[in-house]
């Protein structure tokens, strides 16, 4: 279990979000063309499954899906 010392607050446009400092993302794998292609396909499919009122709504959905 993470304590509050493992997290920091991130402010984006007057919104506070708790960000886990210990979570690691393998962004280097996106340099691989096949991985990048699969990620783009899956993201597009996820976005096409929903209707968004505006870009903020889409952003919040993406943020939730990636956490």
C-alpha atoms as a PDB file:
ATOM      1  CA  UNK A   1       0.000   0.000   0.000  1.00  0.00           C
ATOM      2  CA  UNK A   2       1.287   3.449  -0.871  1.00  0.00           C
ATOM      3  CA  UNK A   3       1.470   6.199   1.667  1.00  0.00           C
ATOM      4  CA  UNK A   4       0.894   9.844   0.902  1.00  0.00           C
ATOM      5  CA  UNK A   5       4.670  10.331   0.883  1.00  0.00           C
ATOM      6  CA  UNK A   6       4.824   8.070  -2.207  1.00  0.00           C
ATOM      7  CA  UNK A   7       2.559  10.416  -4.104  1.00  0.00           C
ATOM      8  CA  UNK A   8       2.580  14.022  -5.122  1.00  0.00           C
ATOM      9  CA  UNK A   9      -0.116  16.375  -6.300  1.00  0.00           C
ATOM     10  CA  UNK A  10      -0.106  17.380  -9.927  1.00  0.00           C
ATOM     11  CA  UNK A  11      -1.971  20.552 -10.847  1.00  0.00           C
ATOM     12  CA  UNK A  12      -3.391  20.771 -14.343  1.00  0.00           C
ATOM     13  CA  UNK A  13      -5.769  23.615 -15.157  1.00  0.00           C
ATOM     14  CA  UNK A  14      -6.965  24.013 -11.567  1.00  0.00           C
ATOM     15  CA  UNK A  15      -7.395  20.248 -11.156  1.00  0.00           C
ATOM     16  CA  UNK A  16      -5.454  18.307  -8.548  1.00  0.00           C
ATOM     17  CA  UNK A  17      -4.600  14.695  -9.287  1.00  0.00           C
ATOM     18  CA  UNK A  18      -2.699  12.285  -7.098  1.00  0.00           C
ATOM     19  CA  UNK A  19       0.199  10.826  -9.058  1.00  0.00           C
ATOM     20  CA  UNK A  20       1.965   7.701  -7.856  1.00  0.00           C
ATOM     21  CA  UNK A  21       5.722   8.317  -8.098  1.00  0.00           C
ATOM     22  CA  UNK A  22       6.465   4.589  -7.906  1.00  0.00           C
ATOM     23  CA  UNK A  23       4.388   3.632 -10.961  1.00  0.00           C
ATOM     24  CA  UNK A  24       6.631   2.953 -13.920  1.00  0.00           C
ATOM     25  CA  UNK A  25       5.612   3.189 -17.550  1.00  0.00           C
ATOM     26  CA  UNK A  26       7.552   1.445 -20.271  1.00  0.00           C
ATOM     27  CA  UNK A  27       7.460   4.291 -22.765  1.00  0.00           C
ATOM     28  CA  UNK A  28      10.631   3.034 -24.450  1.00  0.00           C
ATOM     29  CA  UNK A  29       8.590   0.158 -25.881  1.00  0.00           C
ATOM     30  CA  UNK A  30       6.706   2.724 -27.982  1.00  0.00           C
ATOM     31  CA  UNK A  31       9.873   3.048 -30.064  1.00  0.00           C
ATOM     32  CA  UNK A  32       9.037  -0.405 -31.440  1.00  0.00           C
ATOM     33  CA  UNK A  33       6.814   0.087 -34.495  1.00  0.00           C
ATOM     34  CA  UNK A  34       4.605  -2.966 -33.860  1.00  0.00           C
ATOM     35  CA  UNK A  35       4.028  -1.978 -30.216  1.00  0.00           C
ATOM     36  CA  UNK A  36       3.279   1.596 -31.246  1.00  0.00           C
ATOM     37  CA  UNK A  37       0.827   0.399 -33.900  1.00  0.00           C
ATOM     38  CA  UNK A  38      -0.996  -1.913 -31.467  1.00  0.00           C
ATOM     39  CA  UNK A  39      -1.213   0.827 -28.843  1.00  0.00           C
ATOM     40  CA  UNK A  40      -2.643   3.262 -31.398  1.00  0.00           C
ATOM     41  CA  UNK A  41      -5.220   0.694 -32.539  1.00  0.00           C
ATOM     42  CA  UNK A  42      -6.335  -0.118 -29.008  1.00  0.00           C
ATOM     43  CA  UNK A  43      -6.551   3.546 -28.067  1.00  0.00           C
ATOM     44  CA  UNK A  44      -8.582   4.343 -31.180  1.00  0.00           C
ATOM     45  CA  UNK A  45     -10.948   1.435 -30.457  1.00  0.00           C
ATOM     46  CA  UNK A  46     -11.439   2.594 -26.855  1.00  0.00           C
ATOM     47  CA  UNK A  47     -12.122   6.168 -27.959  1.00  0.00           C
ATOM     48  CA  UNK A  48     -14.588   5.046 -30.631  1.00  0.00           C
ATOM     49  CA  UNK A  49     -16.607   3.094 -28.052  1.00  0.00           C
ATOM     50  CA  UNK A  50     -17.612   6.336 -26.319  1.00  0.00           C
ATOM     51  CA  UNK A  51     -19.102   9.668 -27.257  1.00  0.00           C
ATOM     52  CA  UNK A  52     -17.531  12.706 -25.662  1.00  0.00           C
ATOM     53  CA  UNK A  53     -19.193  16.061 -25.100  1.00  0.00           C
ATOM     54  CA  UNK A  54     -15.901  17.939 -25.443  1.00  0.00           C
ATOM     55  CA  UNK A  55     -12.133  17.547 -25.300  1.00  0.00           C
ATOM     56  CA  UNK A  56     -12.117  17.843 -21.500  1.00  0.00           C
ATOM     57  CA  UNK A  57     -14.501  14.891 -21.284  1.00  0.00           C
ATOM     58  CA  UNK A  58     -12.177  12.887 -23.575  1.00  0.00           C
ATOM     59  CA  UNK A  59      -9.118  13.923 -21.552  1.00  0.00           C
ATOM     60  CA  UNK A  60     -10.712  12.790 -18.280  1.00  0.00           C
ATOM     61  CA  UNK A  61     -11.671   9.461 -19.861  1.00  0.00           C
ATOM     62  CA  UNK A  62      -8.105   8.908 -21.122  1.00  0.00           C
ATOM     63  CA  UNK A  63      -6.661   9.865 -17.751  1.00  0.00           C
ATOM     64  CA  UNK A  64      -8.943   7.369 -16.014  1.00  0.00           C
ATOM     65  CA  UNK A  65      -8.101   4.591 -18.498  1.00  0.00           C
ATOM     66  CA  UNK A  66      -4.353   5.107 -18.138  1.00  0.00           C
ATOM     67  CA  UNK A  67      -4.303   5.125 -14.351  1.00  0.00           C
END
